[in-house]
Amino acid sequence: MLAKGRGVRVLRVSIGGCRRCVDSPLRRGHDGAMFRGWLGRSWLIVAVASALVLSGCAQDPTAEKRAASTEVFEAVVPDDTPGCSAAVSIDGDVVWAEARGVANLETGEQLKTSTAIHIASVGKQFTAVAVLMLAEQGLLSLDDSPADHLDGMPAWVEDLTINDLMHHTSGIAEFLRLPSSNFGAPPLNNDDILEFVRTSPIAQSGTPGAFSYSNTNYTLLADIVTEVTGVEFADWMQAEVFGPLDLEARIGPPMPSDPVGYEAVVDDFMIAEPFAWEVVGPGFVTMTASELARWGDQLRAPSLVSAETLDDALADGAPVDEGWTYGPGLLVADDGTLGHDGAGAGDETSFAVSPDRHTTIAISCNHDGLHLPTVMNDLAAVWVD
């Protein structure tokens, strides 16, 4: 099945130079703007709210907010093109969820709220929490050098700390911005990235101590988790993070049943080439928007680490931009808002937690043609006072 007036073609991209392969919360146009303006009100929100009041539906505030959220979603997500799934949770309970659009244009399969989508760099916060858990258990210190846990590191790594990796202040090169000739044969994996850091003269491309977003940092964090625990990272995360929280999430390569990722090109959608790597730590997490929204309550009432450990980690971030720091896999605003975005292989996700930590909003799409900051702010205008 094809969307009306749209063909489907495969878009070939290379790992070293594709804008959509570089998965950063500071991508052009995504430099924190999606989390600003929680109190802004769009014309659509005002119109929907007014209509509900006039129709007598405003007696139930939650019902009103659900209806307004659905109106927001229907206005920007067609049902016959690649689409999105979104969810809102309050104190860990999902109070609204919606999915629209097509998971696979060829088969016509529709997206559902139960459809899991690759969340890309939004998954960094899971890796960070794993490291905080091990620190609380005394198995590592955030002030340890990565070289304390990973053999064969060059001398310059000995001067770095695990906190530098978590906050992107290591100066280590972003592997996604480098030609694939710097690594082994695809698909690249954690071993390839580790060997690059050990041996390449260009592995340190930035200035230690200064913020410079690099997926390589979180690749090394996952390697440290594996070395410290003696368990493969994905298995440890399932047993110690997702399992105890009863979260349905998968770390690893795409499965045939996953939604197809699409690139929006003018009035067309093109199938995005899958990642040429299978690297865990920086992302590679697949889950539903509802499960991601449920997870957000761990940032209000953590059960995997103490509240003190989490608060310290959020307060100890690296300056990114005016009013923003980068903490444990999350952007932290000066008003307390938390968030991250992620993109790659056609999928895009936006995640944000309100300043009081009670409300979490998650949006995941299997295409890159929607301006997620606008949708995030419109949904926040409905749910966040």
Protein backbone atom coordinates (compact mmCIF):
# COMPACT_ATOMS: atom_id res chain seq x y z
CA MET A 1 0.00 0.00 0.00
CA LEU A 2 1.24 3.45 -0.86
CA ALA A 3 0.24 6.70 0.79
CA LYS A 4 -1.86 8.89 -1.47
CA GLY A 5 0.36 10.42 -4.09
CA ARG A 6 3.53 9.08 -2.47
CA GLY A 7 5.97 6.53 -3.80
CA VAL A 8 8.39 4.52 -1.73
CA ARG A 9 12.07 4.21 -2.56
CA VAL A 10 15.09 3.07 -0.60
CA LEU A 11 17.37 5.92 0.45
CA ARG A 12 21.01 4.82 0.57
CA VAL A 13 23.11 6.57 3.16
CA SER A 14 26.62 6.17 4.51
CA ILE A 15 27.45 5.98 8.19
CA GLY A 16 30.01 8.73 7.94
CA GLY A 17 28.17 11.59 6.31
CA CYS A 18 24.39 11.31 6.65
CA ARG A 19 22.72 14.05 8.67
CA ARG A 20 20.09 11.64 9.93
CA CYS A 21 22.69 9.10 11.03
CA VAL A 22 24.13 11.56 13.53
CA ASP A 23 21.94 11.08 16.56
CA SER A 24 22.34 14.06 18.89
CA PRO A 25 20.07 16.03 21.19
CA LEU A 26 21.64 19.16 19.74
CA ARG A 27 20.84 18.50 16.10
CA ARG A 28 20.08 21.64 14.15
CA GLY A 29 16.64 22.83 15.17
CA HIS A 30 16.58 20.44 18.13
CA ASP A 31 18.85 22.33 20.52
CA GLY A 32 16.52 22.02 23.47
CA ALA A 33 13.74 24.01 21.84
CA MET A 34 11.34 21.09 22.05
CA PHE A 35 11.39 21.32 25.82
CA ARG A 36 11.00 25.08 26.11
CA GLY A 37 7.71 26.89 26.36
CA TRP A 38 5.82 24.37 28.51
CA LEU A 39 3.31 27.10 29.26
CA GLY A 40 2.85 28.23 25.67
CA ARG A 41 -0.61 27.84 24.15
CA SER A 42 -1.10 27.29 20.44
CA TRP A 43 -4.20 28.40 18.57
CA LEU A 44 -5.18 24.74 18.27
CA ILE A 45 -5.12 24.15 22.02
CA VAL A 46 -7.18 27.27 22.69
CA ALA A 47 -9.71 26.34 20.00
CA VAL A 48 -10.12 22.77 21.26
CA ALA A 49 -10.43 23.83 24.88
CA SER A 50 -13.04 26.44 24.00
CA ALA A 51 -15.06 23.95 22.00
CA LEU A 52 -15.04 21.46 24.85
CA VAL A 53 -16.23 24.07 27.32
CA LEU A 54 -19.06 25.12 25.02
CA SER A 55 -20.11 21.51 24.51
CA GLY A 56 -20.19 20.82 28.22
CA CYS A 57 -17.29 18.35 28.13
CA ALA A 58 -15.10 20.37 30.46
CA GLN A 59 -16.64 18.85 33.60
CA ASP A 60 -13.99 16.10 33.61
CA PRO A 61 -10.56 17.80 33.33
CA THR A 62 -8.80 14.58 32.39
CA ALA A 63 -11.32 13.78 29.68
CA GLU A 64 -10.92 17.31 28.35
CA LYS A 65 -7.15 16.92 28.22
CA ARG A 66 -7.41 13.57 26.48
CA ALA A 67 -9.73 15.01 23.86
CA ALA A 68 -7.47 18.01 23.34
CA SER A 69 -4.43 15.75 22.98
CA THR A 70 -6.19 13.62 20.39
CA GLU A 71 -7.12 16.76 18.45
CA VAL A 72 -3.48 17.88 18.53
CA PHE A 73 -2.36 14.51 17.24
CA GLU A 74 -4.97 14.18 14.52
CA ALA A 75 -4.13 17.65 13.23
CA VAL A 76 -0.50 16.79 12.48
CA VAL A 77 -0.37 13.01 11.94
CA PRO A 78 -2.27 11.72 8.86
CA ASP A 79 -3.58 8.17 8.97
CA ASP A 80 -2.30 7.17 5.52
CA THR A 81 1.41 8.07 5.79
CA PRO A 82 4.19 6.93 8.13
CA GLY A 83 3.06 8.04 11.54
CA CYS A 84 3.65 8.43 15.25
CA SER A 85 2.70 7.09 18.64
CA ALA A 86 2.51 9.30 21.71
CA ALA A 87 1.72 8.89 25.39
CA VAL A 88 1.39 10.95 28.54
CA SER A 89 1.88 9.59 32.04
CA ILE A 90 1.22 11.17 35.42
CA ASP A 91 3.14 9.66 38.32
CA GLY A 92 3.83 6.60 36.16
CA ASP A 93 0.25 5.96 35.05
CA VAL A 94 -0.47 6.41 31.35
CA VAL A 95 -3.42 8.80 31.13
CA TRP A 96 -3.48 9.24 27.36
CA ALA A 97 -2.02 7.33 24.42
CA GLU A 98 -2.65 7.61 20.70
CA ALA A 99 -1.16 6.19 17.51
CA ARG A 100 -1.84 7.21 13.93
CA GLY A 101 -0.29 6.46 10.59
CA VAL A 102 1.23 3.50 8.82
CA ALA A 103 3.96 1.23 10.16
CA ASN A 104 4.73 -0.21 6.73
CA LEU A 105 3.58 1.49 3.52
CA GLU A 106 4.03 -1.69 1.50
CA THR A 107 1.78 -3.86 3.66
CA GLY A 108 -0.51 -1.10 4.93
CA GLU A 109 0.00 -2.19 8.54
CA GLN A 110 -1.15 0.56 10.90
CA LEU A 111 0.75 1.90 13.87
CA LYS A 112 -0.82 1.05 17.22
CA THR A 113 -0.12 2.24 20.74
CA SER A 114 1.33 -1.24 21.27
CA THR A 115 3.83 -0.76 18.41
CA ALA A 116 7.40 -0.53 19.66
CA ILE A 117 9.63 2.00 17.86
CA HIS A 118 13.38 2.53 18.01
CA ILE A 119 13.94 5.49 20.40
CA ALA A 120 17.59 6.14 19.44
CA SER A 121 19.50 8.46 21.78
CA VAL A 122 16.59 8.78 24.19
CA GLY A 123 17.89 5.41 25.42
CA LYS A 124 21.07 7.00 26.78
CA GLN A 125 19.34 7.64 30.09
CA PHE A 126 18.99 3.88 30.65
CA THR A 127 22.75 3.44 30.23
CA ALA A 128 23.39 6.31 32.63
CA VAL A 129 21.10 4.83 35.27
CA ALA A 130 22.93 1.50 34.95
CA VAL A 131 26.21 3.28 35.71
CA LEU A 132 24.64 5.07 38.70
CA MET A 133 23.37 1.73 40.00
CA LEU A 134 26.85 0.21 39.85
CA ALA A 135 28.29 3.28 41.56
CA GLU A 136 25.82 2.89 44.43
CA GLN A 137 26.78 -0.76 44.71
CA GLY A 138 30.43 0.23 45.04
CA LEU A 139 31.45 -1.60 41.86
CA LEU A 140 32.77 1.61 40.31
CA SER A 141 33.12 5.30 41.05
CA LEU A 142 32.02 8.11 38.76
CA ASP A 143 35.50 9.55 39.33
CA ASP A 144 37.17 6.36 38.05
CA SER A 145 39.03 6.59 34.79
CA PRO A 146 37.54 4.50 31.97
CA ALA A 147 41.03 2.97 31.81
CA ASP A 148 40.43 1.49 35.27
CA HIS A 149 37.83 -0.83 33.75
CA LEU A 150 38.76 -1.13 30.07
CA ASP A 151 42.11 -2.67 29.17
CA GLY A 152 44.45 -1.22 26.59
CA MET A 153 43.31 2.39 26.78
CA PRO A 154 45.79 5.06 25.59
CA ALA A 155 47.46 7.31 28.15
CA TRP A 156 45.15 10.27 27.46
CA VAL A 157 42.11 8.23 28.56
CA GLU A 158 43.66 7.77 32.00
CA ASP A 159 43.04 11.47 32.66
CA LEU A 160 39.31 11.16 31.96
CA THR A 161 36.54 10.05 34.31
CA ILE A 162 33.36 8.05 33.91
CA ASN A 163 31.54 11.31 34.60
CA ASP A 164 33.27 12.76 31.53
CA LEU A 165 31.75 9.99 29.43
CA MET A 166 28.30 10.48 30.95
CA HIS A 167 28.36 14.25 30.44
CA HIS A 168 30.02 14.24 26.99
CA THR A 169 33.05 16.14 28.27
CA SER A 170 35.68 13.54 27.33
CA GLY A 171 36.73 15.02 23.99
CA ILE A 172 36.42 11.55 22.43
CA ALA A 173 35.48 11.61 18.75
CA GLU A 174 31.92 10.94 17.58
CA PHE A 175 32.18 7.67 15.68
CA LEU A 176 29.06 8.43 13.63
CA ARG A 177 30.78 11.44 12.07
CA LEU A 178 33.77 9.46 10.87
CA PRO A 179 34.17 7.47 7.64
CA SER A 180 33.45 3.79 8.15
CA SER A 181 36.98 3.05 6.89
CA ASN A 182 38.16 3.90 10.42
CA PHE A 183 36.47 0.76 11.69
CA GLY A 184 36.02 -2.88 10.80
CA ALA A 185 33.58 -4.32 8.31
CA PRO A 186 29.94 -3.41 8.95
CA PRO A 187 27.88 -3.87 10.92
CA LEU A 188 30.05 -2.07 13.44
CA ASN A 189 29.77 -3.19 17.03
CA ASN A 190 31.08 -2.17 20.46
CA ASP A 191 34.33 -4.05 19.93
CA ASP A 192 35.03 -2.01 16.79
CA ILE A 193 34.45 1.26 18.62
CA LEU A 194 36.56 0.15 21.58
CA GLU A 195 39.44 -0.77 19.28
CA PHE A 196 39.13 2.61 17.56
CA VAL A 197 39.53 4.43 20.88
CA ARG A 198 42.46 2.19 21.84
CA THR A 199 44.44 2.62 18.63
CA SER A 200 43.33 5.53 16.47
CA PRO A 201 45.29 8.81 16.57
CA ILE A 202 42.05 10.69 15.82
CA ALA A 203 40.05 9.16 18.68
CA GLN A 204 40.54 12.28 20.79
CA SER A 205 39.25 15.09 18.61
CA GLY A 206 37.88 17.51 21.21
CA THR A 207 38.93 19.27 24.38
CA PRO A 208 38.50 17.32 27.62
CA GLY A 209 36.26 19.21 30.01
CA ALA A 210 34.22 20.92 27.29
CA PHE A 211 30.82 19.60 26.24
CA SER A 212 30.91 17.83 22.88
CA TYR A 213 28.17 15.31 22.17
CA SER A 214 29.56 11.93 21.16
CA ASN A 215 27.83 8.57 20.97
CA THR A 216 31.25 7.00 21.55
CA ASN A 217 31.02 8.05 25.20
CA TYR A 218 27.95 5.94 25.85
CA THR A 219 29.37 3.03 23.88
CA LEU A 220 32.25 2.98 26.36
CA LEU A 221 29.84 3.25 29.30
CA ALA A 222 28.05 0.11 28.10
CA ASP A 223 31.43 -1.63 27.79
CA ILE A 224 32.23 -0.64 31.37
CA VAL A 225 28.91 -2.08 32.59
CA THR A 226 29.78 -5.36 30.85
CA GLU A 227 33.30 -5.45 32.30
CA VAL A 228 32.23 -4.60 35.85
CA THR A 229 29.29 -7.02 35.98
CA GLY A 230 30.65 -9.84 33.81
CA VAL A 231 27.31 -9.86 31.95
CA GLU A 232 26.62 -8.64 28.42
CA PHE A 233 25.14 -5.15 28.55
CA ALA A 234 21.77 -5.99 26.94
CA ASP A 235 21.29 -9.00 29.22
CA TRP A 236 22.23 -7.03 32.34
CA MET A 237 19.83 -4.23 31.43
CA GLN A 238 17.00 -6.70 30.93
CA ALA A 239 17.66 -8.41 34.25
CA GLU A 240 18.43 -5.37 36.40
CA VAL A 241 16.55 -2.45 34.82
CA PHE A 242 13.69 -3.38 32.51
CA GLY A 243 12.67 -6.59 34.28
CA PRO A 244 12.34 -5.17 37.81
CA LEU A 245 10.29 -2.25 36.46
CA ASP A 246 8.11 -4.53 34.31
CA LEU A 247 9.04 -2.45 31.28
CA GLU A 248 8.81 -4.01 27.83
CA ALA A 249 11.95 -2.87 26.03
CA ARG A 250 14.50 -4.45 23.73
CA ILE A 251 18.16 -3.62 23.24
CA GLY A 252 19.55 -4.82 19.95
CA PRO A 253 19.13 -4.70 16.18
CA PRO A 254 15.77 -4.22 14.46
CA MET A 255 13.41 -7.14 13.96
CA PRO A 256 11.31 -7.82 10.84
CA SER A 257 8.17 -6.97 12.80
CA ASP A 258 9.41 -3.44 13.67
CA PRO A 259 7.94 -0.46 11.83
CA VAL A 260 9.78 0.59 8.70
CA GLY A 261 11.71 3.86 9.11
CA TYR A 262 11.12 6.50 6.44
CA GLU A 263 12.82 9.70 5.32
CA ALA A 264 10.51 12.52 4.25
CA VAL A 265 11.72 14.03 0.98
CA VAL A 266 9.58 16.86 -0.41
CA ASP A 267 6.19 15.17 -0.96
CA ASP A 268 7.58 11.65 -0.87
CA PHE A 269 8.65 9.07 1.71
CA MET A 270 11.76 7.01 1.13
CA ILE A 271 12.72 3.92 3.10
CA ALA A 272 15.70 4.83 5.24
CA GLU A 273 18.71 2.57 5.08
CA PRO A 274 19.14 0.71 8.39
CA PHE A 275 22.04 1.57 10.64
CA ALA A 276 25.39 0.16 9.58
CA TRP A 277 26.18 -0.61 13.21
CA GLU A 278 24.94 -2.69 16.11
CA VAL A 279 26.30 -0.63 18.98
CA VAL A 280 24.68 -0.71 22.42
CA GLY A 281 24.87 2.01 25.05
CA PRO A 282 24.19 5.17 23.00
CA GLY A 283 20.75 3.91 21.99
CA PHE A 284 19.51 0.84 20.11
CA VAL A 285 16.51 0.59 22.49
CA THR A 286 13.09 -0.26 21.06
CA MET A 287 9.92 0.27 23.10
CA THR A 288 6.45 1.80 22.92
CA ALA A 289 5.73 5.43 23.72
CA SER A 290 3.56 4.26 26.61
CA GLU A 291 6.38 2.25 28.18
CA LEU A 292 8.75 5.18 27.73
CA ALA A 293 6.23 7.49 29.40
CA ARG A 294 5.87 5.04 32.29
CA TRP A 295 9.65 5.00 32.70
CA GLY A 296 9.64 8.76 33.21
CA ASP A 297 8.34 8.34 36.74
CA GLN A 298 11.71 6.88 37.68
CA LEU A 299 12.94 10.46 37.43
CA ARG A 300 10.44 11.50 40.11
CA ALA A 301 10.39 8.47 42.39
CA PRO A 302 13.43 6.32 41.54
CA SER A 303 13.51 2.72 42.70
CA LEU A 304 16.70 1.56 40.97
CA VAL A 305 18.91 4.20 42.61
CA SER A 306 18.37 6.46 45.60
CA ALA A 307 16.74 9.84 45.14
CA GLU A 308 19.94 11.43 46.43
CA THR A 309 22.07 9.71 43.79
CA LEU A 310 19.69 10.73 41.01
CA ASP A 311 19.38 14.32 42.20
CA ASP A 312 23.15 14.64 42.50
CA ALA A 313 23.61 13.30 38.96
CA LEU A 314 21.02 15.69 37.54
CA ALA A 315 22.55 18.64 39.39
CA ASP A 316 26.10 17.81 38.29
CA GLY A 317 25.65 18.23 34.55
CA ALA A 318 27.92 19.85 32.00
CA PRO A 319 26.89 23.27 30.62
CA VAL A 320 25.49 22.93 27.11
CA ASP A 321 23.74 26.19 26.35
CA GLU A 322 22.25 29.04 28.33
CA GLY A 323 19.81 27.48 30.78
CA TRP A 324 20.71 23.87 29.92
CA THR A 325 23.12 21.22 31.20
CA TYR A 326 23.72 17.62 30.18
CA GLY A 327 23.30 15.18 33.06
CA PRO A 328 22.86 11.40 33.20
CA GLY A 329 21.73 10.83 29.60
CA LEU A 330 19.34 13.77 29.84
CA LEU A 331 19.24 17.48 29.12
CA VAL A 332 18.40 19.39 32.30
CA ALA A 333 16.83 22.87 32.09
CA ASP A 334 17.29 25.52 34.74
CA ASP A 335 13.56 25.27 35.56
CA GLY A 336 13.88 21.52 36.21
CA THR A 337 12.53 20.28 32.89
CA LEU A 338 14.22 17.07 31.71
CA GLY A 339 14.37 15.80 28.16
CA HIS A 340 16.18 14.20 25.27
CA ASP A 341 15.50 13.49 21.63
CA GLY A 342 16.78 10.85 19.28
CA ALA A 343 16.79 10.12 15.58
CA GLY A 344 18.18 7.64 13.12
CA ALA A 345 17.26 5.25 10.30
CA GLY A 346 14.04 7.20 9.77
CA ASP A 347 12.79 6.97 13.37
CA GLU A 348 12.51 9.98 15.68
CA THR A 349 11.60 10.22 19.36
CA SER A 350 11.10 13.10 21.78
CA PHE A 351 10.95 12.64 25.56
CA ALA A 352 10.32 15.24 28.24
CA VAL A 353 9.51 15.39 31.94
CA SER A 354 7.84 18.42 33.54
CA PRO A 355 9.71 20.55 36.09
CA ASP A 356 7.76 19.00 38.98
CA ARG A 357 8.57 15.51 37.58
CA HIS A 358 4.94 14.39 37.74
CA THR A 359 4.20 14.48 33.99
CA THR A 360 6.08 12.66 31.24
CA ILE A 361 5.41 13.00 27.51
CA ALA A 362 6.85 10.63 24.90
CA ILE A 363 6.43 10.82 21.13
CA SER A 364 7.90 8.28 18.70
CA CYS A 365 7.57 8.37 14.90
CA ASN A 366 8.69 6.04 12.13
CA HIS A 367 9.57 9.00 9.90
CA ASP A 368 11.45 12.28 10.17
CA GLY A 369 8.93 14.58 8.50
CA LEU A 370 7.20 15.94 11.61
CA HIS A 371 8.50 18.87 13.68
CA LEU A 372 8.45 17.12 17.06
CA PRO A 373 9.24 20.26 19.14
CA THR A 374 5.91 21.74 18.04
CA VAL A 375 3.96 18.61 18.91
CA MET A 376 5.78 18.26 22.23
CA ASN A 377 4.99 21.84 23.22
CA ASP A 378 1.35 21.50 22.17
CA LEU A 379 0.91 18.37 24.28
CA ALA A 380 2.74 20.00 27.17
CA ALA A 381 0.36 22.94 26.91
CA VAL A 382 -2.50 20.51 27.55
CA TRP A 383 -1.01 18.56 30.45
CA VAL A 384 1.49 20.75 32.27
CA ASP A 385 0.11 23.57 34.41
